């Protein structure tokens, strides 16, 4: 999910099924974007979440960013 406001992509991997979201869909805090699964190379259901600089297609492009500071900030703001 790409955010043009902050030029970052929020990447969710290993979903049970492809997300029902499509390019251009607006996403709000708390909205379900998919179900946890075990697709690709994994050993059990889990959420693989990344934040990357720029617009990425499959999580391999762009420089990865440590998501923990953002998660803590969102928690304080009540948006996560």
N, C-alpha and C. Protein backbone atom coordinates (compact mmCIF):
# COMPACT_ATOMS: atom_id res chain seq x y z
N UNK A 1 0.87 -1.16 0.00
CA UNK A 1 0.00 0.00 0.00
C UNK A 1 0.91 1.22 0.00
N UNK A 2 0.76 2.05 -1.02
CA UNK A 2 1.61 3.22 -1.17
C UNK A 2 0.92 4.46 -0.64
N UNK A 3 1.65 5.26 0.13
CA UNK A 3 1.15 6.53 0.64
C UNK A 3 1.88 7.66 -0.06
N UNK A 4 1.21 8.37 -0.97
CA UNK A 4 1.89 9.48 -1.64
C UNK A 4 2.21 10.62 -0.69
N UNK A 5 1.47 10.75 0.41
CA UNK A 5 1.73 11.85 1.37
C UNK A 5 3.10 11.74 2.02
N UNK A 6 3.54 10.50 2.31
CA UNK A 6 4.85 10.36 2.94
C UNK A 6 5.85 9.59 2.07
N UNK A 7 5.48 9.30 0.82
CA UNK A 7 6.36 8.62 -0.14
C UNK A 7 6.92 7.31 0.42
N UNK A 8 6.04 6.55 1.09
CA UNK A 8 6.43 5.25 1.64
C UNK A 8 5.42 4.19 1.21
N UNK A 9 5.90 2.94 1.15
CA UNK A 9 5.04 1.80 0.88
C UNK A 9 4.95 0.95 2.14
N UNK A 10 3.75 0.47 2.41
CA UNK A 10 3.48 -0.40 3.56
C UNK A 10 3.18 -1.78 2.98
N UNK A 11 4.07 -2.72 3.24
CA UNK A 11 4.06 -4.01 2.57
C UNK A 11 3.62 -5.10 3.54
N UNK A 12 2.63 -5.88 3.13
CA UNK A 12 2.10 -7.00 3.91
C UNK A 12 2.30 -8.27 3.09
N UNK A 13 2.99 -9.27 3.65
CA UNK A 13 3.30 -10.49 2.92
C UNK A 13 2.77 -11.73 3.67
N UNK A 14 2.63 -12.81 2.94
CA UNK A 14 2.17 -14.12 3.44
C UNK A 14 0.68 -14.13 3.74
N UNK A 15 -0.10 -13.31 3.04
CA UNK A 15 -1.54 -13.28 3.26
C UNK A 15 -2.17 -14.60 2.82
N UNK A 16 -3.30 -14.92 3.44
CA UNK A 16 -4.04 -16.13 3.11
C UNK A 16 -4.47 -16.12 1.64
N UNK A 17 -4.96 -14.99 1.18
CA UNK A 17 -5.37 -14.79 -0.20
C UNK A 17 -4.90 -13.40 -0.62
N UNK A 18 -4.89 -13.12 -1.90
CA UNK A 18 -4.56 -11.75 -2.31
C UNK A 18 -5.53 -10.75 -1.67
N UNK A 19 -5.04 -9.59 -1.36
CA UNK A 19 -5.87 -8.54 -0.77
C UNK A 19 -7.00 -8.17 -1.73
N UNK A 20 -8.17 -7.85 -1.20
CA UNK A 20 -9.25 -7.38 -2.07
C UNK A 20 -9.01 -5.95 -2.57
N UNK A 21 -8.00 -5.29 -2.02
CA UNK A 21 -7.70 -3.91 -2.42
C UNK A 21 -7.03 -3.89 -3.79
N UNK A 22 -7.27 -2.82 -4.52
CA UNK A 22 -6.66 -2.63 -5.83
C UNK A 22 -5.96 -1.29 -5.87
N UNK A 23 -5.08 -1.12 -6.82
CA UNK A 23 -4.36 0.14 -6.98
C UNK A 23 -5.34 1.30 -7.03
N UNK A 24 -5.06 2.32 -6.23
CA UNK A 24 -5.90 3.50 -6.18
C UNK A 24 -6.96 3.48 -5.09
N UNK A 25 -7.19 2.31 -4.46
CA UNK A 25 -8.15 2.23 -3.36
C UNK A 25 -7.65 3.04 -2.18
N UNK A 26 -8.54 3.75 -1.52
CA UNK A 26 -8.18 4.48 -0.30
C UNK A 26 -8.29 3.54 0.88
N UNK A 27 -7.31 3.60 1.78
CA UNK A 27 -7.27 2.75 2.96
C UNK A 27 -7.27 3.62 4.20
N UNK A 28 -8.09 3.27 5.16
CA UNK A 28 -8.19 4.03 6.41
C UNK A 28 -7.61 3.21 7.56
N UNK A 29 -7.18 3.91 8.61
CA UNK A 29 -6.65 3.24 9.80
C UNK A 29 -7.67 2.25 10.32
N UNK A 30 -7.21 1.05 10.63
CA UNK A 30 -8.07 0.02 11.18
C UNK A 30 -8.78 -0.84 10.15
N UNK A 31 -8.68 -0.46 8.88
CA UNK A 31 -9.34 -1.22 7.82
C UNK A 31 -8.60 -2.54 7.59
N UNK A 32 -9.34 -3.63 7.40
CA UNK A 32 -8.75 -4.93 7.10
C UNK A 32 -8.23 -4.90 5.66
N UNK A 33 -6.95 -5.26 5.50
CA UNK A 33 -6.36 -5.28 4.16
C UNK A 33 -6.11 -6.71 3.68
N UNK A 34 -6.30 -7.69 4.56
CA UNK A 34 -6.12 -9.09 4.20
C UNK A 34 -6.16 -9.97 5.43
N UNK A 35 -6.04 -11.27 5.21
CA UNK A 35 -6.06 -12.25 6.28
C UNK A 35 -4.67 -12.89 6.40
N UNK A 36 -4.23 -13.14 7.63
CA UNK A 36 -2.93 -13.75 7.88
C UNK A 36 -2.92 -15.17 7.31
N UNK A 37 -1.84 -15.52 6.63
CA UNK A 37 -1.72 -16.84 6.04
C UNK A 37 -0.29 -17.34 6.05
N UNK A 38 0.00 -18.25 5.14
CA UNK A 38 1.35 -18.82 5.02
C UNK A 38 1.62 -19.10 3.56
N UNK A 39 1.71 -18.05 2.76
CA UNK A 39 2.00 -18.21 1.35
C UNK A 39 3.48 -17.93 1.10
N UNK A 40 3.97 -18.40 -0.01
CA UNK A 40 5.39 -18.20 -0.32
C UNK A 40 6.25 -19.09 0.55
N UNK A 41 7.38 -18.59 0.98
CA UNK A 41 8.31 -19.36 1.80
C UNK A 41 8.09 -19.01 3.27
N UNK A 42 7.36 -19.89 3.99
CA UNK A 42 7.13 -19.65 5.42
C UNK A 42 6.86 -20.98 6.11
N UNK A 43 6.92 -20.97 7.43
CA UNK A 43 6.75 -22.19 8.22
C UNK A 43 5.55 -22.13 9.15
N UNK A 44 4.64 -21.26 8.90
CA UNK A 44 3.43 -21.13 9.69
C UNK A 44 2.80 -19.77 9.46
N UNK A 45 1.51 -19.64 9.71
CA UNK A 45 0.83 -18.37 9.49
C UNK A 45 1.44 -17.24 10.31
N UNK A 46 1.69 -16.13 9.67
CA UNK A 46 2.23 -14.95 10.35
C UNK A 46 2.09 -13.74 9.43
N UNK A 47 2.26 -12.57 10.01
CA UNK A 47 2.23 -11.35 9.22
C UNK A 47 3.66 -10.86 9.03
N UNK A 48 4.02 -10.64 7.80
CA UNK A 48 5.32 -10.05 7.47
C UNK A 48 5.01 -8.63 7.02
N UNK A 49 5.41 -7.65 7.81
CA UNK A 49 5.09 -6.25 7.55
C UNK A 49 6.37 -5.47 7.36
N UNK A 50 6.43 -4.67 6.32
CA UNK A 50 7.59 -3.82 6.06
C UNK A 50 7.13 -2.43 5.68
N UNK A 51 7.98 -1.46 5.96
CA UNK A 51 7.82 -0.11 5.44
C UNK A 51 9.04 0.16 4.57
N UNK A 52 8.81 0.66 3.36
CA UNK A 52 9.91 0.92 2.44
C UNK A 52 9.77 2.31 1.85
N UNK A 53 10.92 2.96 1.59
CA UNK A 53 10.93 4.25 0.91
C UNK A 53 10.43 4.07 -0.51
N UNK A 54 9.59 4.99 -0.96
CA UNK A 54 9.15 5.00 -2.35
C UNK A 54 8.00 4.05 -2.62
N UNK A 55 7.66 3.97 -3.89
CA UNK A 55 6.55 3.13 -4.35
C UNK A 55 7.11 1.79 -4.80
N UNK A 56 6.67 0.71 -4.17
CA UNK A 56 7.17 -0.62 -4.51
C UNK A 56 6.02 -1.51 -4.97
N UNK A 57 6.36 -2.52 -5.77
CA UNK A 57 5.34 -3.43 -6.29
C UNK A 57 5.23 -4.69 -5.45
N UNK A 58 6.33 -5.30 -5.08
CA UNK A 58 6.27 -6.58 -4.38
C UNK A 58 7.17 -6.63 -3.15
N UNK A 59 7.55 -5.48 -2.61
CA UNK A 59 8.33 -5.46 -1.39
C UNK A 59 9.82 -5.62 -1.57
N UNK A 60 10.28 -5.72 -2.82
CA UNK A 60 11.70 -5.93 -3.06
C UNK A 60 12.43 -4.65 -3.43
N UNK A 61 11.69 -3.63 -3.85
CA UNK A 61 12.29 -2.38 -4.25
C UNK A 61 12.28 -1.42 -3.07
N UNK A 62 12.98 -0.33 -3.20
CA UNK A 62 12.99 0.68 -2.15
C UNK A 62 13.79 0.24 -0.94
N UNK A 63 14.26 1.21 -0.20
CA UNK A 63 15.07 0.93 0.99
C UNK A 63 14.15 0.63 2.17
N UNK A 64 14.38 -0.49 2.89
CA UNK A 64 13.53 -0.81 4.05
C UNK A 64 13.77 0.16 5.20
N UNK A 65 12.72 0.40 5.98
CA UNK A 65 12.76 1.29 7.14
C UNK A 65 12.33 0.48 8.36
N UNK A 66 12.95 0.70 9.50
CA UNK A 66 12.52 0.05 10.74
C UNK A 66 11.10 0.52 11.06
N UNK A 67 10.09 -0.38 11.09
CA UNK A 67 8.71 0.04 11.32
C UNK A 67 8.38 0.36 12.77
N UNK A 68 9.19 -0.10 13.73
CA UNK A 68 8.84 0.05 15.14
C UNK A 68 8.59 1.49 15.57
N UNK A 69 9.43 2.47 15.21
CA UNK A 69 9.13 3.85 15.62
C UNK A 69 7.79 4.34 15.09
N UNK A 70 7.43 3.94 13.87
CA UNK A 70 6.15 4.34 13.30
C UNK A 70 4.99 3.68 14.03
N UNK A 71 5.13 2.40 14.34
CA UNK A 71 4.07 1.70 15.08
C UNK A 71 3.85 2.34 16.45
N UNK A 72 4.93 2.69 17.12
CA UNK A 72 4.80 3.35 18.43
C UNK A 72 4.14 4.72 18.30
N UNK A 73 4.51 5.46 17.27
CA UNK A 73 3.92 6.79 17.04
C UNK A 73 2.43 6.64 16.74
N UNK A 74 2.06 5.71 15.91
CA UNK A 74 0.65 5.50 15.55
C UNK A 74 -0.15 5.10 16.78
N UNK A 75 0.46 4.27 17.64
CA UNK A 75 -0.23 3.85 18.86
C UNK A 75 -0.52 5.06 19.76
N UNK A 76 0.46 5.95 19.91
CA UNK A 76 0.26 7.17 20.73
C UNK A 76 -0.82 8.07 20.15
N UNK A 77 -0.89 8.12 18.81
CA UNK A 77 -1.87 8.97 18.15
C UNK A 77 -3.25 8.32 18.06
N UNK A 78 -3.31 7.03 18.40
CA UNK A 78 -4.57 6.31 18.32
C UNK A 78 -5.01 6.01 16.90
N UNK A 79 -4.02 5.93 15.97
CA UNK A 79 -4.35 5.66 14.57
C UNK A 79 -3.90 4.28 14.14
N UNK A 80 -3.38 3.46 15.02
CA UNK A 80 -2.90 2.15 14.61
C UNK A 80 -3.58 1.05 15.34
